[in-house]
Amino acid sequence: MIEIVTALVRDRHGRVLLVRKRGTESFMQPGGKREPGESELDSLARELSEELGCGLIPGSTSKLGVFEAPAANEPGQRVRAAIYAASLEGDLVCNAEIEDHIWLDPRAPGATPLAPLTRDTVLPLALSLNGAAQAL
């Protein structure tokens, strides 16, 4: 089981921020693996800074739950993801292993290749969140 922490980030139009790692095809929510001794939120803040050059807005996070799905890039593996709704500050810049990012309407993902966790859990979560969208 691969343990990860991820962010469900929405813009003011309700679109979801997704990233694609270099050399892969599937888009997924930003985040990654925790380092030893790191809290979930410290890990998420570090991953967002490393991958996208932006930070979490203090007090903007809300844990949505822990979910499992097949891993997108590790055949035969599964991920267990702590997913947080979050708002970001700063400009998005693809860094580290991130090659691309998109803002996807969860109501109309089209043919965008998506990681199983994103397709089966994150987009439905985004649709279920009522109220104001998380603004970047």
N, C-alpha and C. Protein backbone atom coordinates (compact mmCIF):
# COMPACT_ATOMS: atom_id res chain seq x y z
N MET A 1 0.85 -1.18 0.00
CA MET A 1 0.00 0.00 0.00
C MET A 1 0.89 1.24 0.00
N ILE A 2 0.63 2.15 -0.90
CA ILE A 2 1.36 3.41 -0.99
C ILE A 2 0.55 4.47 -0.27
N GLU A 3 1.08 5.03 0.80
CA GLU A 3 0.39 6.04 1.60
C GLU A 3 0.72 7.44 1.05
N ILE A 4 -0.33 8.21 0.72
CA ILE A 4 -0.13 9.55 0.17
C ILE A 4 -1.07 10.54 0.83
N VAL A 5 -0.77 11.82 0.64
CA VAL A 5 -1.63 12.93 1.07
C VAL A 5 -1.85 13.80 -0.16
N THR A 6 -3.11 14.13 -0.44
CA THR A 6 -3.41 14.89 -1.65
C THR A 6 -4.34 16.06 -1.36
N ALA A 7 -4.36 17.00 -2.31
CA ALA A 7 -5.20 18.19 -2.19
C ALA A 7 -6.27 18.20 -3.27
N LEU A 8 -7.48 18.47 -2.85
CA LEU A 8 -8.58 18.75 -3.77
C LEU A 8 -8.69 20.27 -3.80
N VAL A 9 -8.19 20.85 -4.88
CA VAL A 9 -8.17 22.31 -5.03
C VAL A 9 -9.13 22.66 -6.15
N ARG A 10 -10.06 23.57 -5.85
CA ARG A 10 -11.01 24.04 -6.86
C ARG A 10 -10.82 25.54 -7.08
N ASP A 11 -11.08 25.97 -8.31
CA ASP A 11 -11.06 27.41 -8.57
C ASP A 11 -12.47 27.96 -8.37
N ARG A 12 -12.65 29.23 -8.62
CA ARG A 12 -13.96 29.85 -8.35
C ARG A 12 -15.05 29.36 -9.30
N HIS A 13 -14.67 28.63 -10.35
CA HIS A 13 -15.65 28.06 -11.28
C HIS A 13 -15.96 26.61 -10.93
N GLY A 14 -15.35 26.08 -9.87
CA GLY A 14 -15.57 24.70 -9.47
C GLY A 14 -14.69 23.69 -10.17
N ARG A 15 -13.78 24.19 -11.02
CA ARG A 15 -12.86 23.27 -11.70
C ARG A 15 -11.81 22.77 -10.70
N VAL A 16 -11.32 21.55 -10.95
CA VAL A 16 -10.38 20.89 -10.05
C VAL A 16 -8.97 20.95 -10.65
N LEU A 17 -7.99 21.28 -9.81
CA LEU A 17 -6.60 21.31 -10.22
C LEU A 17 -6.07 19.88 -10.28
N LEU A 18 -5.51 19.50 -11.43
CA LEU A 18 -4.89 18.19 -11.61
C LEU A 18 -3.51 18.37 -12.19
N VAL A 19 -2.63 17.43 -11.88
CA VAL A 19 -1.25 17.46 -12.38
C VAL A 19 -0.93 16.15 -13.08
N ARG A 20 0.08 16.20 -13.94
CA ARG A 20 0.59 15.00 -14.61
C ARG A 20 2.09 14.94 -14.42
N LYS A 21 2.55 13.79 -13.94
CA LYS A 21 3.98 13.61 -13.73
C LYS A 21 4.68 13.34 -15.06
N ARG A 22 5.92 13.77 -15.14
CA ARG A 22 6.75 13.56 -16.32
C ARG A 22 6.80 12.08 -16.67
N GLY A 23 6.59 11.74 -17.94
CA GLY A 23 6.67 10.36 -18.41
C GLY A 23 5.43 9.53 -18.15
N THR A 24 4.34 10.17 -17.69
CA THR A 24 3.09 9.45 -17.45
C THR A 24 1.97 10.08 -18.27
N GLU A 25 0.82 9.41 -18.30
CA GLU A 25 -0.31 9.92 -19.07
C GLU A 25 -1.46 10.41 -18.21
N SER A 26 -1.61 9.87 -17.01
CA SER A 26 -2.79 10.16 -16.19
C SER A 26 -2.62 11.43 -15.37
N PHE A 27 -3.69 12.22 -15.35
CA PHE A 27 -3.74 13.38 -14.47
C PHE A 27 -4.28 12.96 -13.11
N MET A 28 -3.79 13.61 -12.07
CA MET A 28 -4.20 13.30 -10.70
C MET A 28 -4.12 14.57 -9.87
N GLN A 29 -4.62 14.51 -8.66
CA GLN A 29 -4.56 15.65 -7.77
C GLN A 29 -3.15 15.79 -7.23
N PRO A 30 -2.72 17.00 -6.93
CA PRO A 30 -1.37 17.21 -6.39
C PRO A 30 -1.23 16.63 -4.99
N GLY A 31 -0.01 16.24 -4.67
CA GLY A 31 0.31 15.68 -3.36
C GLY A 31 1.40 14.65 -3.50
N GLY A 32 1.55 13.82 -2.49
CA GLY A 32 2.58 12.79 -2.56
C GLY A 32 2.75 12.06 -1.25
N LYS A 33 3.87 11.36 -1.16
CA LYS A 33 4.17 10.50 -0.01
C LYS A 33 4.68 11.32 1.17
N ARG A 34 4.31 10.89 2.38
CA ARG A 34 4.81 11.51 3.60
C ARG A 34 6.23 11.03 3.87
N GLU A 35 7.03 11.92 4.42
CA GLU A 35 8.36 11.55 4.89
C GLU A 35 8.25 11.15 6.36
N PRO A 36 9.19 10.34 6.85
CA PRO A 36 9.11 9.90 8.26
C PRO A 36 8.99 11.08 9.22
N GLY A 37 8.04 10.96 10.15
CA GLY A 37 7.84 11.98 11.16
C GLY A 37 7.05 13.19 10.72
N GLU A 38 6.63 13.22 9.47
CA GLU A 38 5.93 14.37 8.91
C GLU A 38 4.41 14.20 9.10
N SER A 39 3.74 15.27 9.51
CA SER A 39 2.28 15.23 9.60
C SER A 39 1.69 15.27 8.20
N GLU A 40 0.42 14.94 8.09
CA GLU A 40 -0.24 14.97 6.78
C GLU A 40 -0.18 16.37 6.18
N LEU A 41 -0.51 17.39 6.97
CA LEU A 41 -0.53 18.75 6.42
C LEU A 41 0.86 19.28 6.12
N ASP A 42 1.86 18.91 6.93
CA ASP A 42 3.24 19.31 6.61
C ASP A 42 3.68 18.66 5.31
N SER A 43 3.33 17.40 5.12
CA SER A 43 3.66 16.69 3.90
C SER A 43 2.99 17.34 2.69
N LEU A 44 1.70 17.66 2.83
CA LEU A 44 0.97 18.27 1.73
C LEU A 44 1.57 19.63 1.37
N ALA A 45 1.89 20.44 2.37
CA ALA A 45 2.50 21.75 2.11
C ALA A 45 3.84 21.59 1.40
N ARG A 46 4.66 20.64 1.84
CA ARG A 46 5.95 20.41 1.22
C ARG A 46 5.78 19.97 -0.24
N GLU A 47 4.89 19.01 -0.47
CA GLU A 47 4.68 18.51 -1.84
C GLU A 47 4.18 19.62 -2.77
N LEU A 48 3.25 20.44 -2.30
CA LEU A 48 2.73 21.52 -3.13
C LEU A 48 3.82 22.54 -3.47
N SER A 49 4.66 22.82 -2.49
CA SER A 49 5.76 23.74 -2.72
C SER A 49 6.76 23.17 -3.73
N GLU A 50 7.13 21.90 -3.53
CA GLU A 50 8.10 21.25 -4.42
C GLU A 50 7.56 21.09 -5.83
N GLU A 51 6.31 20.65 -5.95
CA GLU A 51 5.75 20.30 -7.26
C GLU A 51 5.20 21.50 -8.02
N LEU A 52 4.60 22.45 -7.31
CA LEU A 52 3.89 23.53 -7.98
C LEU A 52 4.33 24.93 -7.57
N GLY A 53 5.28 25.03 -6.65
CA GLY A 53 5.80 26.32 -6.25
C GLY A 53 4.80 27.20 -5.53
N CYS A 54 3.77 26.60 -4.95
CA CYS A 54 2.77 27.40 -4.24
C CYS A 54 2.58 26.85 -2.84
N GLY A 55 1.81 27.57 -2.04
CA GLY A 55 1.61 27.16 -0.66
C GLY A 55 0.15 27.02 -0.31
N LEU A 56 -0.10 26.36 0.81
CA LEU A 56 -1.46 26.26 1.36
C LEU A 56 -1.81 27.57 2.04
N ILE A 57 -3.01 28.05 1.83
CA ILE A 57 -3.49 29.21 2.58
C ILE A 57 -3.79 28.72 3.99
N PRO A 58 -3.17 29.34 4.99
CA PRO A 58 -3.39 28.90 6.37
C PRO A 58 -4.88 28.86 6.72
N GLY A 59 -5.29 27.76 7.36
CA GLY A 59 -6.67 27.59 7.77
C GLY A 59 -7.63 27.17 6.67
N SER A 60 -7.13 26.93 5.46
CA SER A 60 -8.03 26.61 4.33
C SER A 60 -8.27 25.12 4.16
N THR A 61 -7.58 24.28 4.91
CA THR A 61 -7.68 22.84 4.68
C THR A 61 -8.81 22.21 5.50
N SER A 62 -9.41 21.21 4.91
CA SER A 62 -10.45 20.43 5.57
C SER A 62 -10.31 18.98 5.10
N LYS A 63 -10.09 18.07 6.04
CA LYS A 63 -9.90 16.66 5.66
C LYS A 63 -11.23 16.08 5.18
N LEU A 64 -11.19 15.50 3.98
CA LEU A 64 -12.38 14.90 3.38
C LEU A 64 -12.48 13.41 3.65
N GLY A 65 -11.36 12.80 4.06
CA GLY A 65 -11.37 11.38 4.36
C GLY A 65 -10.13 10.69 3.84
N VAL A 66 -10.09 9.37 4.05
CA VAL A 66 -9.01 8.53 3.56
C VAL A 66 -9.64 7.50 2.63
N PHE A 67 -9.07 7.39 1.43
CA PHE A 67 -9.66 6.57 0.38
C PHE A 67 -8.58 5.71 -0.27
N GLU A 68 -8.99 4.55 -0.80
CA GLU A 68 -8.06 3.66 -1.50
C GLU A 68 -8.48 3.48 -2.94
N ALA A 69 -7.46 3.23 -3.79
CA ALA A 69 -7.70 3.00 -5.21
C ALA A 69 -6.47 2.34 -5.81
N PRO A 70 -6.59 1.73 -6.99
CA PRO A 70 -5.40 1.24 -7.68
C PRO A 70 -4.45 2.41 -7.98
N ALA A 71 -3.15 2.16 -7.85
CA ALA A 71 -2.16 3.19 -8.16
C ALA A 71 -2.12 3.43 -9.67
N ALA A 72 -1.99 4.67 -10.06
CA ALA A 72 -1.99 5.02 -11.49
C ALA A 72 -0.70 4.62 -12.19
N ASN A 73 0.43 4.78 -11.50
CA ASN A 73 1.72 4.61 -12.17
C ASN A 73 2.55 3.44 -11.64
N GLU A 74 2.01 2.66 -10.72
CA GLU A 74 2.70 1.50 -10.16
C GLU A 74 1.80 0.28 -10.33
N PRO A 75 1.94 -0.46 -11.44
CA PRO A 75 1.06 -1.60 -11.71
C PRO A 75 1.02 -2.58 -10.54
N GLY A 76 -0.20 -3.03 -10.20
CA GLY A 76 -0.39 -3.99 -9.14
C GLY A 76 -0.38 -3.41 -7.74
N GLN A 77 -0.14 -2.11 -7.61
CA GLN A 77 -0.10 -1.44 -6.31
C GLN A 77 -1.39 -0.68 -6.07
N ARG A 78 -1.62 -0.34 -4.82
CA ARG A 78 -2.76 0.49 -4.43
C ARG A 78 -2.26 1.70 -3.66
N VAL A 79 -3.05 2.77 -3.70
CA VAL A 79 -2.75 3.95 -2.89
C VAL A 79 -3.81 4.09 -1.82
N ARG A 80 -3.40 4.59 -0.67
CA ARG A 80 -4.32 5.01 0.40
C ARG A 80 -4.05 6.49 0.57
N ALA A 81 -5.05 7.29 0.24
CA ALA A 81 -4.86 8.74 0.19
C ALA A 81 -5.69 9.46 1.24
N ALA A 82 -5.03 10.28 2.04
CA ALA A 82 -5.72 11.26 2.87
C ALA A 82 -5.96 12.46 1.95
N ILE A 83 -7.22 12.80 1.75
CA ILE A 83 -7.57 13.87 0.82
C ILE A 83 -8.08 15.08 1.60
N TYR A 84 -7.48 16.23 1.31
CA TYR A 84 -7.85 17.49 1.95
C TYR A 84 -8.37 18.47 0.90
N ALA A 85 -9.51 19.10 1.19
CA ALA A 85 -9.92 20.27 0.41
C ALA A 85 -8.98 21.38 0.87
N ALA A 86 -8.48 22.15 -0.09
CA ALA A 86 -7.50 23.18 0.26
C ALA A 86 -7.55 24.32 -0.74
N SER A 87 -7.11 25.48 -0.28
CA SER A 87 -6.91 26.63 -1.15
C SER A 87 -5.42 26.94 -1.19
N LEU A 88 -4.95 27.40 -2.34
CA LEU A 88 -3.54 27.66 -2.54
C LEU A 88 -3.27 29.14 -2.73
N GLU A 89 -2.02 29.53 -2.44
CA GLU A 89 -1.57 30.89 -2.71
C GLU A 89 -0.29 30.82 -3.51
N GLY A 90 -0.10 31.80 -4.38
CA GLY A 90 1.08 31.84 -5.22
C GLY A 90 0.77 31.38 -6.63
N ASP A 91 1.73 31.58 -7.50
CA ASP A 91 1.57 31.19 -8.90
C ASP A 91 1.93 29.72 -9.08
N LEU A 92 1.14 29.00 -9.88
CA LEU A 92 1.41 27.60 -10.17
C LEU A 92 2.52 27.49 -11.21
N VAL A 93 3.55 26.76 -10.87
CA VAL A 93 4.67 26.51 -11.77
C VAL A 93 5.02 25.03 -11.65
N CYS A 94 5.02 24.32 -12.77
CA CYS A 94 5.36 22.90 -12.74
C CYS A 94 6.84 22.73 -12.41
N ASN A 95 7.13 22.06 -11.30
CA ASN A 95 8.49 21.80 -10.83
C ASN A 95 8.66 20.31 -10.58
N ALA A 96 9.87 19.93 -10.18
CA ALA A 96 10.19 18.55 -9.80
C ALA A 96 9.71 17.61 -10.90
N GLU A 97 8.92 16.60 -10.52
CA GLU A 97 8.48 15.60 -11.50
C GLU A 97 7.21 15.99 -12.24
N ILE A 98 6.65 17.16 -11.94
CA ILE A 98 5.39 17.57 -12.57
C ILE A 98 5.67 18.21 -13.93
N GLU A 99 5.03 17.66 -14.95
CA GLU A 99 5.23 18.15 -16.31
C GLU A 99 4.11 19.09 -16.77
N ASP A 100 2.88 18.88 -16.23
CA ASP A 100 1.75 19.66 -16.73
C ASP A 100 0.70 19.77 -15.62
N HIS A 101 -0.11 20.81 -15.70
CA HIS A 101 -1.27 20.92 -14.83
C HIS A 101 -2.45 21.44 -15.64
N ILE A 102 -3.65 21.07 -15.20
CA ILE A 102 -4.87 21.51 -15.87
C ILE A 102 -5.92 21.83 -14.80
N TRP A 103 -6.91 22.60 -15.21
CA TRP A 103 -8.10 22.81 -14.39
C TRP A 103 -9.23 22.09 -15.11
N LEU A 104 -9.81 21.08 -14.46
CA LEU A 104 -10.79 20.20 -15.09
C LEU A 104 -12.16 20.39 -14.45
N ASP A 105 -13.18 20.52 -15.28
CA ASP A 105 -14.56 20.58 -14.79
C ASP A 105 -14.98 19.16 -14.41
N PRO A 106 -15.26 18.89 -13.12
CA PRO A 106 -15.60 17.54 -12.71
C PRO A 106 -16.92 17.04 -13.30
N ARG A 107 -17.74 17.95 -13.81
CA ARG A 107 -19.00 17.55 -14.45
C ARG A 107 -18.78 17.08 -15.87
N ALA A 108 -17.64 17.45 -16.47
CA ALA A 108 -17.39 17.13 -17.87
C ALA A 108 -15.91 16.84 -18.10
N PRO A 109 -15.41 15.71 -17.57
CA PRO A 109 -13.98 15.42 -17.71
C PRO A 109 -13.56 15.04 -19.13
N GLY A 110 -14.54 14.72 -19.98
CA GLY A 110 -14.20 14.36 -21.35
C GLY A 110 -13.30 13.15 -21.41
N ALA A 111 -12.37 13.15 -22.34
CA ALA A 111 -11.47 12.01 -22.55
C ALA A 111 -10.14 12.19 -21.82
N THR A 112 -10.06 13.12 -20.90
CA THR A 112 -8.82 13.35 -20.15
C THR A 112 -8.44 12.07 -19.42
N PRO A 113 -7.22 11.56 -19.62
CA PRO A 113 -6.80 10.37 -18.89
C PRO A 113 -6.61 10.69 -17.41
N LEU A 114 -7.32 9.95 -16.55
CA LEU A 114 -7.33 10.24 -15.12
C LEU A 114 -6.86 9.03 -14.31
N ALA A 115 -6.15 9.31 -13.22
CA ALA A 115 -5.78 8.26 -12.27
C ALA A 115 -7.07 7.71 -11.66
N PRO A 116 -7.08 6.41 -11.30
CA PRO A 116 -8.30 5.84 -10.70
C PRO A 116 -8.82 6.60 -9.48
N LEU A 117 -7.93 7.02 -8.58
CA LEU A 117 -8.37 7.77 -7.40
C LEU A 117 -9.04 9.07 -7.80
N THR A 118 -8.50 9.74 -8.79
CA THR A 118 -9.06 11.01 -9.26
C THR A 118 -10.43 10.77 -9.89
N ARG A 119 -10.49 9.82 -10.78
CA ARG A 119 -11.74 9.53 -11.51
C ARG A 119 -12.85 9.05 -10.56
N ASP A 120 -12.51 8.11 -9.67
CA ASP A 120 -13.54 7.43 -8.88
C ASP A 120 -13.83 8.09 -7.54
N THR A 121 -12.91 8.92 -7.04
CA THR A 121 -13.09 9.51 -5.71
C THR A 121 -13.02 11.03 -5.73
N VAL A 122 -11.95 11.60 -6.28
CA VAL A 122 -11.74 13.04 -6.17
C VAL A 122 -12.79 13.83 -6.95
N LEU A 123 -13.07 13.46 -8.18
CA LEU A 123 -14.07 14.22 -8.95
C LEU A 123 -15.46 14.10 -8.33
N PRO A 124 -15.90 12.90 -7.90
CA PRO A 124 -17.18 12.84 -7.19
C PRO A 124 -17.19 13.67 -5.90
N LEU A 125 -16.08 13.68 -5.16
CA LEU A 125 -16.00 14.53 -3.96
C LEU A 125 -16.17 16.00 -4.33
N ALA A 126 -15.51 16.41 -5.40
CA ALA A 126 -15.61 17.81 -5.83
C ALA A 126 -17.04 18.17 -6.16
N LEU A 127 -17.76 17.24 -6.78
CA LEU A 127 -19.16 17.50 -7.12
C LEU A 127 -20.05 17.54 -5.89
N SER A 128 -19.67 16.80 -4.86
CA SER A 128 -20.51 16.73 -3.67
C SER A 128 -20.30 17.92 -2.72
N LEU A 129 -19.21 18.65 -2.92
CA LEU A 129 -18.93 19.79 -2.03
C LEU A 129 -19.86 20.94 -2.41
N ASN A 130 -20.80 21.20 -1.57
CA ASN A 130 -21.73 22.30 -1.83
C ASN A 130 -21.16 23.59 -1.28
N GLY A 131 -21.72 24.69 -1.68
CA GLY A 131 -21.23 25.98 -1.20
C GLY A 131 -20.22 26.56 -2.17
N ALA A 132 -19.49 27.53 -1.70
CA ALA A 132 -18.55 28.27 -2.54
C ALA A 132 -17.37 27.38 -2.92
N ALA A 133 -16.90 27.53 -4.13
CA ALA A 133 -15.72 26.81 -4.60
C ALA A 133 -14.49 27.33 -3.86
N GLN A 134 -13.49 26.47 -3.75
CA GLN A 134 -12.22 26.87 -3.14
C GLN A 134 -11.48 27.75 -4.16
N ALA A 135 -11.28 28.98 -3.87
CA ALA A 135 -10.60 29.88 -4.81
C ALA A 135 -9.10 29.76 -4.67
N LEU A 136 -8.40 29.78 -5.79
CA LEU A 136 -6.94 29.74 -5.78
C LEU A 136 -6.42 31.07 -5.34
